[in-house]
Amino acid sequence: MKNEKAKKLFLICSLFREDEEIPIEVLTRLCIGTGVFEVDNGSYGHARNQVFTAADILIDSCLLLLADEECVKMHDLIRDVAQWIANN
């Protein structure tokens, strides 16, 4: 995967429990807090759009599943691989 922000979002999603629905709002806050996405001039909406874009890349790659309009989730096998990647 060439998109660095999508890679980091992938690893952040692996921190959640198996088959847990992850709200985009929570991902946005985590990505801002960890420095994956920056809030330019206080534009939270811009950072949120970047999270949606990165999540769409992961969904198109079948690394994330769309759970709801505002939620994604990760299959347990994909989550295990992501955690293995993070440990190495």
Protein backbone atom coordinates (compact mmCIF):
# COMPACT_ATOMS: atom_id res chain seq x y z
CA MET A 1 0.00 0.00 0.00
CA LYS A 2 1.43 3.35 -1.03
CA ASN A 3 -0.70 5.68 1.09
CA GLU A 4 1.12 6.19 4.40
CA LYS A 5 -1.92 7.63 6.18
CA ALA A 6 -4.02 4.62 5.18
CA LYS A 7 -1.28 2.33 6.53
CA LYS A 8 -1.30 4.12 9.87
CA LEU A 9 -5.10 4.08 10.02
CA PHE A 10 -4.96 0.33 9.32
CA LEU A 11 -2.71 -0.19 12.34
CA ILE A 12 -4.89 2.04 14.54
CA CYS A 13 -7.96 0.01 13.58
CA SER A 14 -6.18 -3.17 14.69
CA LEU A 15 -6.16 -1.84 18.26
CA PHE A 16 -9.91 -2.38 18.58
CA ARG A 17 -11.50 -5.68 19.58
CA GLU A 18 -12.41 -8.34 17.03
CA ASP A 19 -15.45 -7.43 14.90
CA GLU A 20 -15.99 -4.22 16.85
CA GLU A 21 -17.72 -1.44 14.95
CA ILE A 22 -15.38 1.55 14.99
CA PRO A 23 -17.01 4.97 14.60
CA ILE A 24 -15.28 7.34 12.18
CA GLU A 25 -15.49 10.05 14.88
CA VAL A 26 -13.37 7.93 17.22
CA LEU A 27 -10.87 7.21 14.45
CA THR A 28 -10.67 10.91 13.63
CA ARG A 29 -9.87 11.80 17.23
CA LEU A 30 -7.29 9.03 17.50
CA CYS A 31 -5.63 10.02 14.22
CA ILE A 32 -5.45 13.66 15.29
CA GLY A 33 -4.15 12.71 18.73
CA THR A 34 -1.44 10.44 17.36
CA GLY A 35 -0.42 12.96 14.71
CA VAL A 36 -1.45 10.88 11.70
CA PHE A 37 -3.71 13.70 10.51
CA GLU A 38 -3.15 17.32 11.37
CA VAL A 39 -5.84 19.87 12.12
CA ASP A 40 -5.01 22.80 9.85
CA ASN A 41 -6.23 26.11 11.26
CA GLY A 42 -8.62 24.28 13.56
CA SER A 43 -10.36 22.47 10.69
CA TYR A 44 -11.60 19.28 12.31
CA GLY A 45 -13.79 18.65 9.27
CA HIS A 46 -10.75 18.50 6.99
CA ALA A 47 -9.09 15.90 9.20
CA ARG A 48 -12.35 13.93 9.29
CA ASN A 49 -12.50 13.95 5.48
CA GLN A 50 -8.94 12.62 5.36
CA VAL A 51 -9.94 9.76 7.67
CA PHE A 52 -12.89 8.96 5.39
CA THR A 53 -10.56 8.98 2.37
CA ALA A 54 -8.03 6.68 4.06
CA ALA A 55 -10.84 4.39 5.26
CA ASP A 56 -12.21 4.21 1.70
CA ILE A 57 -8.77 3.11 0.47
CA LEU A 58 -8.74 0.35 3.09
CA ILE A 59 -12.32 -0.68 2.28
CA ASP A 60 -11.48 -0.84 -1.44
CA SER A 61 -8.47 -3.01 -0.55
CA CYS A 62 -10.72 -5.31 1.53
CA LEU A 63 -8.73 -4.52 4.67
CA LEU A 64 -11.69 -2.85 6.37
CA LEU A 65 -15.39 -3.59 6.19
CA LEU A 66 -18.11 -0.95 6.07
CA ALA A 67 -20.29 -1.59 9.11
CA ASP A 68 -22.53 1.46 8.90
CA GLU A 69 -22.46 4.89 7.27
CA GLU A 70 -20.32 6.19 10.10
CA CYS A 71 -18.58 2.97 11.23
CA VAL A 72 -16.04 0.49 9.92
CA LYS A 73 -14.81 -2.82 11.29
CA MET A 74 -11.92 -5.17 10.74
CA HIS A 75 -12.16 -8.90 10.16
CA ASP A 76 -10.44 -10.87 12.90
CA LEU A 77 -7.89 -12.47 10.54
CA ILE A 78 -6.95 -9.09 9.05
CA ARG A 79 -6.67 -7.72 12.60
CA ASP A 80 -4.28 -10.52 13.56
CA VAL A 81 -2.09 -9.78 10.52
CA ALA A 82 -2.10 -6.05 11.33
CA GLN A 83 -1.00 -6.75 14.89
CA TRP A 84 1.71 -9.08 13.63
CA ILE A 85 2.95 -6.31 11.28
CA ALA A 86 2.93 -3.79 14.13
CA ASN A 87 4.95 -6.12 16.36
CA ASN A 88 7.60 -6.63 13.68
